[in-house]
Amino acid sequence: MRLTSQDHDQVTAAVTAAEASTDGEIVTVVASQSDAYHDVALHWAVLAMLLVLALLAAWPGFSLALHALVGDSWTPATPGELFTTALILLAATFVLVRLLLAWRPLRLFLTPPTTKQRRVRRRALAYFRTAAEKRTHAATGVLLYLSLDERRAELIADEAIHSKVPEALWGEAMADLVEEVKAGRPGAGMAKAVERIGTVLAEHFPRSASDRNELPDRLIEL
């Protein structure tokens, strides 16, 4: 999934409309991915090596058969030769799995959902601290973050909002976003979520006469 210029315009318009009735400031960020997950590929490669080692321990005759293919089948294999055969097999397994997992879609598919969620949350917090946290006079910034490859989103609110608005109230906004993303419409999902966020903010932080636009309304795509 990628966002079009129409998606950008739709989200920007939604932010502008939502902020018209509240002192809150909404920042929208979309990233293609939140992590490369190379460590996950490494973990799978090591796990594959251990699995091969376990198979060799369970069926030692396999090592003898492999040695017979490259050595003298009439001469019994020494322990050193068997260990060398096993080491070569383990190294080949590690390299093969790492090469396979160099393909990002497969690496992402084999990444546990909880790992994806933690990485997305961590990246969202980093962007929030950079783009929204305490960047407004009344600490009323909200970050809506979408990570496309993981198909996961995070909503993080500034101190003043977090102290007044329970996280459960953001549920409808996140549900709308996730539903549209699953349907392949990330721009529409972001716009719907922003509309919901604006409704919540308008209830708890209605727009005052002194309000001014402190954070950019445009969608930030990384």
C-alpha atoms as a PDB file:
ATOM      1  CA  MET A   1       0.000   0.000   0.000  1.00  0.00           C
ATOM      2  CA  ARG A   2       1.111   3.505  -0.821  1.00  0.00           C
ATOM      3  CA  LEU A   3      -0.605   6.854  -0.442  1.00  0.00           C
ATOM      4  CA  THR A   4      -1.539   9.018  -3.408  1.00  0.00           C
ATOM      5  CA  SER A   5      -1.627  12.799  -3.629  1.00  0.00           C
ATOM      6  CA  GLN A   6      -5.412  12.552  -3.258  1.00  0.00           C
ATOM      7  CA  ASP A   7      -4.892  10.661   0.004  1.00  0.00           C
ATOM      8  CA  HIS A   8      -2.623  13.431   1.258  1.00  0.00           C
ATOM      9  CA  ASP A   9      -5.204  16.076   0.356  1.00  0.00           C
ATOM     10  CA  GLN A  10      -7.991  14.085   2.012  1.00  0.00           C
ATOM     11  CA  VAL A  11      -6.104  13.672   5.297  1.00  0.00           C
ATOM     12  CA  THR A  12      -4.916  17.289   5.350  1.00  0.00           C
ATOM     13  CA  ALA A  13      -8.475  18.516   4.800  1.00  0.00           C
ATOM     14  CA  ALA A  14      -9.709  16.238   7.590  1.00  0.00           C
ATOM     15  CA  VAL A  15      -7.116  17.614  10.024  1.00  0.00           C
ATOM     16  CA  THR A  16      -7.994  21.207   9.143  1.00  0.00           C
ATOM     17  CA  ALA A  17     -11.701  20.517   9.641  1.00  0.00           C
ATOM     18  CA  ALA A  18     -11.172  18.646  12.914  1.00  0.00           C
ATOM     19  CA  GLU A  19      -9.015  21.400  14.414  1.00  0.00           C
ATOM     20  CA  ALA A  20     -11.596  24.055  13.549  1.00  0.00           C
ATOM     21  CA  SER A  21     -13.606  23.161  16.668  1.00  0.00           C
ATOM     22  CA  THR A  22     -10.872  22.365  19.194  1.00  0.00           C
ATOM     23  CA  ASP A  23      -7.680  23.681  20.753  1.00  0.00           C
ATOM     24  CA  GLY A  24      -6.149  20.275  20.095  1.00  0.00           C
ATOM     25  CA  GLU A  25      -3.530  19.810  17.405  1.00  0.00           C
ATOM     26  CA  ILE A  26      -3.486  16.623  15.316  1.00  0.00           C
ATOM     27  CA  VAL A  27      -0.322  15.373  13.641  1.00  0.00           C
ATOM     28  CA  THR A  28      -0.643  12.552  11.111  1.00  0.00           C
ATOM     29  CA  VAL A  29       2.339  10.402  10.151  1.00  0.00           C
ATOM     30  CA  VAL A  30       2.486   7.454   7.762  1.00  0.00           C
ATOM     31  CA  ALA A  31       5.574   5.252   7.441  1.00  0.00           C
ATOM     32  CA  SER A  32       6.194   2.419   4.999  1.00  0.00           C
ATOM     33  CA  GLN A  33       7.574   0.309   7.864  1.00  0.00           C
ATOM     34  CA  SER A  34       8.612   0.773  11.482  1.00  0.00           C
ATOM     35  CA  ASP A  35      11.547  -1.628  11.524  1.00  0.00           C
ATOM     36  CA  ALA A  36      13.631  -3.776   9.167  1.00  0.00           C
ATOM     37  CA  TYR A  37      13.349  -6.834  11.475  1.00  0.00           C
ATOM     38  CA  HIS A  38      16.800  -8.120  10.549  1.00  0.00           C
ATOM     39  CA  ASP A  39      17.176  -9.478  14.071  1.00  0.00           C
ATOM     40  CA  VAL A  40      14.078 -11.615  13.494  1.00  0.00           C
ATOM     41  CA  ALA A  41      15.751 -13.127  10.424  1.00  0.00           C
ATOM     42  CA  LEU A  42      18.817 -13.859  12.521  1.00  0.00           C
ATOM     43  CA  HIS A  43      16.719 -15.579  15.175  1.00  0.00           C
ATOM     44  CA  TRP A  44      15.038 -17.786  12.554  1.00  0.00           C
ATOM     45  CA  ALA A  45      18.436 -18.700  11.069  1.00  0.00           C
ATOM     46  CA  VAL A  46      19.779 -19.716  14.472  1.00  0.00           C
ATOM     47  CA  LEU A  47      16.589 -21.678  15.189  1.00  0.00           C
ATOM     48  CA  ALA A  48      16.984 -23.519  11.880  1.00  0.00           C
ATOM     49  CA  MET A  49      20.568 -24.425  12.817  1.00  0.00           C
ATOM     50  CA  LEU A  50      19.429 -25.797  16.162  1.00  0.00           C
ATOM     51  CA  LEU A  51      16.703 -27.798  14.433  1.00  0.00           C
ATOM     52  CA  VAL A  52      19.252 -29.359  12.066  1.00  0.00           C
ATOM     53  CA  LEU A  53      21.509 -30.150  15.020  1.00  0.00           C
ATOM     54  CA  ALA A  54      18.596 -31.815  16.806  1.00  0.00           C
ATOM     55  CA  LEU A  55      17.825 -33.896  13.699  1.00  0.00           C
ATOM     56  CA  LEU A  56      21.455 -35.005  13.449  1.00  0.00           C
ATOM     57  CA  ALA A  57      21.383 -36.018  17.111  1.00  0.00           C
ATOM     58  CA  ALA A  58      18.157 -37.974  16.609  1.00  0.00           C
ATOM     59  CA  TRP A  59      19.359 -39.685  13.393  1.00  0.00           C
ATOM     60  CA  PRO A  60      23.183 -39.880  13.500  1.00  0.00           C
ATOM     61  CA  GLY A  61      23.115 -42.183  10.493  1.00  0.00           C
ATOM     62  CA  PHE A  62      22.334 -39.132   8.371  1.00  0.00           C
ATOM     63  CA  SER A  63      25.777 -37.694   9.159  1.00  0.00           C
ATOM     64  CA  LEU A  64      27.364 -40.984   8.160  1.00  0.00           C
ATOM     65  CA  ALA A  65      25.440 -40.982   4.889  1.00  0.00           C
ATOM     66  CA  LEU A  66      26.516 -37.428   4.112  1.00  0.00           C
ATOM     67  CA  HIS A  67      30.134 -38.240   4.877  1.00  0.00           C
ATOM     68  CA  ALA A  68      29.972 -41.271   2.596  1.00  0.00           C
ATOM     69  CA  LEU A  69      28.935 -39.039  -0.297  1.00  0.00           C
ATOM     70  CA  VAL A  70      32.140 -36.989  -0.143  1.00  0.00           C
ATOM     71  CA  GLY A  71      34.547 -39.354   1.613  1.00  0.00           C
ATOM     72  CA  ASP A  72      35.736 -42.928   1.385  1.00  0.00           C
ATOM     73  CA  SER A  73      32.693 -45.101   1.998  1.00  0.00           C
ATOM     74  CA  TRP A  74      34.961 -48.052   2.855  1.00  0.00           C
ATOM     75  CA  THR A  75      36.685 -46.213   5.696  1.00  0.00           C
ATOM     76  CA  PRO A  76      34.721 -45.545   8.911  1.00  0.00           C
ATOM     77  CA  ALA A  77      34.247 -41.854   9.592  1.00  0.00           C
ATOM     78  CA  THR A  78      36.203 -40.430  12.498  1.00  0.00           C
ATOM     79  CA  PRO A  79      34.483 -38.226  15.122  1.00  0.00           C
ATOM     80  CA  GLY A  80      36.330 -35.230  13.710  1.00  0.00           C
ATOM     81  CA  GLU A  81      35.005 -35.895  10.219  1.00  0.00           C
ATOM     82  CA  LEU A  82      31.459 -36.277  11.512  1.00  0.00           C
ATOM     83  CA  PHE A  83      31.714 -33.016  13.453  1.00  0.00           C
ATOM     84  CA  THR A  84      33.078 -31.295  10.355  1.00  0.00           C
ATOM     85  CA  THR A  85      30.183 -32.618   8.288  1.00  0.00           C
ATOM     86  CA  ALA A  86      27.697 -31.379  10.877  1.00  0.00           C
ATOM     87  CA  LEU A  87      29.404 -27.973  11.028  1.00  0.00           C
ATOM     88  CA  ILE A  88      29.239 -27.561   7.252  1.00  0.00           C
ATOM     89  CA  LEU A  89      25.559 -28.536   7.268  1.00  0.00           C
ATOM     90  CA  LEU A  90      24.782 -26.053  10.030  1.00  0.00           C
ATOM     91  CA  ALA A  91      26.637 -23.248   8.264  1.00  0.00           C
ATOM     92  CA  ALA A  92      24.838 -23.992   4.992  1.00  0.00           C
ATOM     93  CA  THR A  93      21.486 -23.971   6.804  1.00  0.00           C
ATOM     94  CA  PHE A  94      22.240 -20.611   8.423  1.00  0.00           C
ATOM     95  CA  VAL A  95      23.275 -18.997   5.131  1.00  0.00           C
ATOM     96  CA  LEU A  96      20.282 -20.414   3.250  1.00  0.00           C
ATOM     97  CA  VAL A  97      17.744 -19.173   5.797  1.00  0.00           C
ATOM     98  CA  ARG A  98      19.367 -15.729   5.952  1.00  0.00           C
ATOM     99  CA  LEU A  99      19.262 -15.467   2.157  1.00  0.00           C
ATOM    100  CA  LEU A 100      15.603 -16.494   2.082  1.00  0.00           C
ATOM    101  CA  LEU A 101      14.713 -13.953   4.771  1.00  0.00           C
ATOM    102  CA  ALA A 102      16.493 -11.185   2.919  1.00  0.00           C
ATOM    103  CA  TRP A 103      13.160 -10.972   1.077  1.00  0.00           C
ATOM    104  CA  ARG A 104      11.284  -8.492   3.232  1.00  0.00           C
ATOM    105  CA  PRO A 105       7.719  -9.821   2.723  1.00  0.00           C
ATOM    106  CA  LEU A 106       8.771 -13.241   4.008  1.00  0.00           C
ATOM    107  CA  ARG A 107      10.715 -11.699   6.887  1.00  0.00           C
ATOM    108  CA  LEU A 108       7.694  -9.616   7.831  1.00  0.00           C
ATOM    109  CA  PHE A 109       5.363 -12.625   7.556  1.00  0.00           C
ATOM    110  CA  LEU A 110       7.531 -14.608   9.980  1.00  0.00           C
ATOM    111  CA  THR A 111       7.774 -11.756  12.488  1.00  0.00           C
ATOM    112  CA  PRO A 112       5.542 -12.422  15.537  1.00  0.00           C
ATOM    113  CA  PRO A 113       2.584 -10.002  15.831  1.00  0.00           C
ATOM    114  CA  THR A 114       3.644  -8.928  19.319  1.00  0.00           C
ATOM    115  CA  THR A 115       7.077  -7.975  17.984  1.00  0.00           C
ATOM    116  CA  LYS A 116       5.502  -5.882  15.237  1.00  0.00           C
ATOM    117  CA  GLN A 117       3.250  -4.154  17.752  1.00  0.00           C
ATOM    118  CA  ARG A 118       6.160  -3.296  20.047  1.00  0.00           C
ATOM    119  CA  ARG A 119       8.278  -1.929  17.188  1.00  0.00           C
ATOM    120  CA  VAL A 120       5.400   0.150  15.805  1.00  0.00           C
ATOM    121  CA  ARG A 121       4.679   1.549  19.260  1.00  0.00           C
ATOM    122  CA  ARG A 122       8.331   2.371  19.835  1.00  0.00           C
ATOM    123  CA  ARG A 123       8.632   4.159  16.503  1.00  0.00           C
ATOM    124  CA  ALA A 124       5.383   6.055  17.109  1.00  0.00           C
ATOM    125  CA  LEU A 125       6.665   7.250  20.480  1.00  0.00           C
ATOM    126  CA  ALA A 126       9.876   8.451  18.865  1.00  0.00           C
ATOM    127  CA  TYR A 127       7.961  10.458  16.261  1.00  0.00           C
ATOM    128  CA  PHE A 128       5.586  11.792  18.905  1.00  0.00           C
ATOM    129  CA  ARG A 129       8.470  13.122  20.977  1.00  0.00           C
ATOM    130  CA  THR A 130       9.886  14.776  17.878  1.00  0.00           C
ATOM    131  CA  ALA A 131       6.764  16.154  16.233  1.00  0.00           C
ATOM    132  CA  ALA A 132       4.067  16.674  18.856  1.00  0.00           C
ATOM    133  CA  GLU A 133       5.042  16.246  22.503  1.00  0.00           C
ATOM    134  CA  LYS A 134       4.959  19.601  24.303  1.00  0.00           C
ATOM    135  CA  ARG A 135       5.123  21.404  20.973  1.00  0.00           C
ATOM    136  CA  THR A 136       1.906  23.292  21.715  1.00  0.00           C
ATOM    137  CA  HIS A 137       1.322  25.958  24.335  1.00  0.00           C
ATOM    138  CA  ALA A 138      -1.303  23.946  26.229  1.00  0.00           C
ATOM    139  CA  ALA A 139       0.216  20.495  25.579  1.00  0.00           C
ATOM    140  CA  THR A 140      -2.721  19.439  23.428  1.00  0.00           C
ATOM    141  CA  GLY A 141      -0.973  17.560  20.636  1.00  0.00           C
ATOM    142  CA  VAL A 142      -2.113  14.189  19.281  1.00  0.00           C
ATOM    143  CA  LEU A 143      -0.108  11.940  16.979  1.00  0.00           C
ATOM    144  CA  LEU A 144      -1.869   9.472  14.692  1.00  0.00           C
ATOM    145  CA  TYR A 145       0.726   7.068  13.310  1.00  0.00           C
ATOM    146  CA  LEU A 146       0.205   4.399  10.666  1.00  0.00           C
ATOM    147  CA  SER A 147       2.820   1.816   9.673  1.00  0.00           C
ATOM    148  CA  LEU A 148       1.780   0.410   6.295  1.00  0.00           C
ATOM    149  CA  ASP A 149       3.808  -2.800   6.015  1.00  0.00           C
ATOM    150  CA  GLU A 150       2.794  -3.932   9.506  1.00  0.00           C
ATOM    151  CA  ARG A 151      -0.762  -2.647   9.014  1.00  0.00           C
ATOM    152  CA  ARG A 152      -0.738  -1.295  12.525  1.00  0.00           C
ATOM    153  CA  ALA A 153      -1.508   2.122  13.953  1.00  0.00           C
ATOM    154  CA  GLU A 154      -0.856   4.014  17.161  1.00  0.00           C
ATOM    155  CA  LEU A 155      -2.461   7.071  18.707  1.00  0.00           C
ATOM    156  CA  ILE A 156      -0.454   8.987  21.289  1.00  0.00           C
ATOM    157  CA  ALA A 157      -1.724  12.085  23.086  1.00  0.00           C
ATOM    158  CA  ASP A 158       0.067  14.899  24.869  1.00  0.00           C
ATOM    159  CA  GLU A 159       0.005  15.311  28.626  1.00  0.00           C
ATOM    160  CA  ALA A 160      -3.056  17.580  28.910  1.00  0.00           C
ATOM    161  CA  ILE A 161      -5.157  15.327  26.678  1.00  0.00           C
ATOM    162  CA  HIS A 162      -3.950  12.074  28.200  1.00  0.00           C
ATOM    163  CA  SER A 163      -4.940  13.285  31.689  1.00  0.00           C
ATOM    164  CA  LYS A 164      -8.540  13.995  30.631  1.00  0.00           C
ATOM    165  CA  VAL A 165      -9.348  11.537  27.860  1.00  0.00           C
ATOM    166  CA  PRO A 166      -9.359   7.783  28.623  1.00  0.00           C
ATOM    167  CA  GLU A 167      -7.635   5.676  25.975  1.00  0.00           C
ATOM    168  CA  ALA A 168     -10.858   3.729  25.447  1.00  0.00           C
ATOM    169  CA  LEU A 169     -12.412   6.798  23.812  1.00  0.00           C
ATOM    170  CA  TRP A 170      -9.966   6.511  20.934  1.00  0.00           C
ATOM    171  CA  GLY A 171     -11.236   3.015  20.131  1.00  0.00           C
ATOM    172  CA  GLU A 172     -13.693   4.062  17.402  1.00  0.00           C
ATOM    173  CA  ALA A 173     -11.053   6.146  15.653  1.00  0.00           C
ATOM    174  CA  MET A 174      -8.576   3.283  15.604  1.00  0.00           C
ATOM    175  CA  ALA A 175     -11.256   0.800  14.509  1.00  0.00           C
ATOM    176  CA  ASP A 176     -12.188   3.015  11.542  1.00  0.00           C
ATOM    177  CA  LEU A 177      -8.542   3.341  10.564  1.00  0.00           C
ATOM    178  CA  VAL A 178      -7.773  -0.367  10.771  1.00  0.00           C
ATOM    179  CA  GLU A 179     -10.916  -1.295   8.833  1.00  0.00           C
ATOM    180  CA  GLU A 180     -10.034   1.009   5.929  1.00  0.00           C
ATOM    181  CA  VAL A 181      -6.388  -0.036   5.903  1.00  0.00           C
ATOM    182  CA  LYS A 182      -7.372  -3.694   5.637  1.00  0.00           C
ATOM    183  CA  ALA A 183      -9.539  -2.727   2.662  1.00  0.00           C
ATOM    184  CA  GLY A 184      -6.566  -1.049   0.999  1.00  0.00           C
ATOM    185  CA  ARG A 185      -7.703   2.538   1.647  1.00  0.00           C
ATOM    186  CA  PRO A 186      -5.159   3.999   4.099  1.00  0.00           C
ATOM    187  CA  GLY A 187      -5.933   7.602   3.169  1.00  0.00           C
ATOM    188  CA  ALA A 188      -9.649   7.195   3.847  1.00  0.00           C
ATOM    189  CA  GLY A 189      -8.833   5.411   7.102  1.00  0.00           C
ATOM    190  CA  MET A 190      -6.597   8.219   8.308  1.00  0.00           C
ATOM    191  CA  ALA A 191      -9.250  10.803   7.397  1.00  0.00           C
ATOM    192  CA  LYS A 192     -12.006   8.913   9.244  1.00  0.00           C
ATOM    193  CA  ALA A 193      -9.811   8.468  12.303  1.00  0.00           C
ATOM    194  CA  VAL A 194      -8.929  12.175  12.312  1.00  0.00           C
ATOM    195  CA  GLU A 195     -12.635  13.033  12.191  1.00  0.00           C
ATOM    196  CA  ARG A 196     -13.282  10.832  15.241  1.00  0.00           C
ATOM    197  CA  ILE A 197     -10.305  12.305  17.071  1.00  0.00           C
ATOM    198  CA  GLY A 198     -11.574  15.809  16.347  1.00  0.00           C
ATOM    199  CA  THR A 199     -14.954  14.945  17.851  1.00  0.00           C
ATOM    200  CA  VAL A 200     -13.338  13.736  21.083  1.00  0.00           C
ATOM    201  CA  LEU A 201     -11.037  16.750  21.293  1.00  0.00           C
ATOM    202  CA  ALA A 202     -13.876  19.210  20.644  1.00  0.00           C
ATOM    203  CA  GLU A 203     -15.799  17.737  23.578  1.00  0.00           C
ATOM    204  CA  HIS A 204     -12.927  17.996  26.047  1.00  0.00           C
ATOM    205  CA  PHE A 205     -10.951  20.889  24.548  1.00  0.00           C
ATOM    206  CA  PRO A 206     -13.355  23.191  22.671  1.00  0.00           C
ATOM    207  CA  ARG A 207     -11.763  25.893  20.584  1.00  0.00           C
ATOM    208  CA  SER A 208     -10.971  29.085  22.448  1.00  0.00           C
ATOM    209  CA  ALA A 209     -10.718  32.610  21.073  1.00  0.00           C
ATOM    210  CA  SER A 210      -6.932  32.597  21.471  1.00  0.00           C
ATOM    211  CA  ASP A 211      -6.388  29.305  19.645  1.00  0.00           C
ATOM    212  CA  ARG A 212      -3.900  29.262  16.786  1.00  0.00           C
ATOM    213  CA  ASN A 213      -2.580  26.561  14.510  1.00  0.00           C
ATOM    214  CA  GLU A 214       0.683  25.444  16.142  1.00  0.00           C
ATOM    215  CA  LEU A 215       1.443  22.210  14.279  1.00  0.00           C
ATOM    216  CA  PRO A 216       1.251  21.432  10.539  1.00  0.00           C
ATOM    217  CA  ASP A 217      -2.013  20.021   9.198  1.00  0.00           C
ATOM    218  CA  ARG A 218      -0.415  18.187   6.279  1.00  0.00           C
ATOM    219  CA  LEU A 219       0.077  14.440   6.282  1.00  0.00           C
ATOM    220  CA  ILE A 220       3.710  13.481   6.890  1.00  0.00           C
ATOM    221  CA  GLU A 221       4.784  10.443   4.868  1.00  0.00           C
ATOM    222  CA  LEU A 222       8.123   8.857   5.737  1.00  0.00           C
END
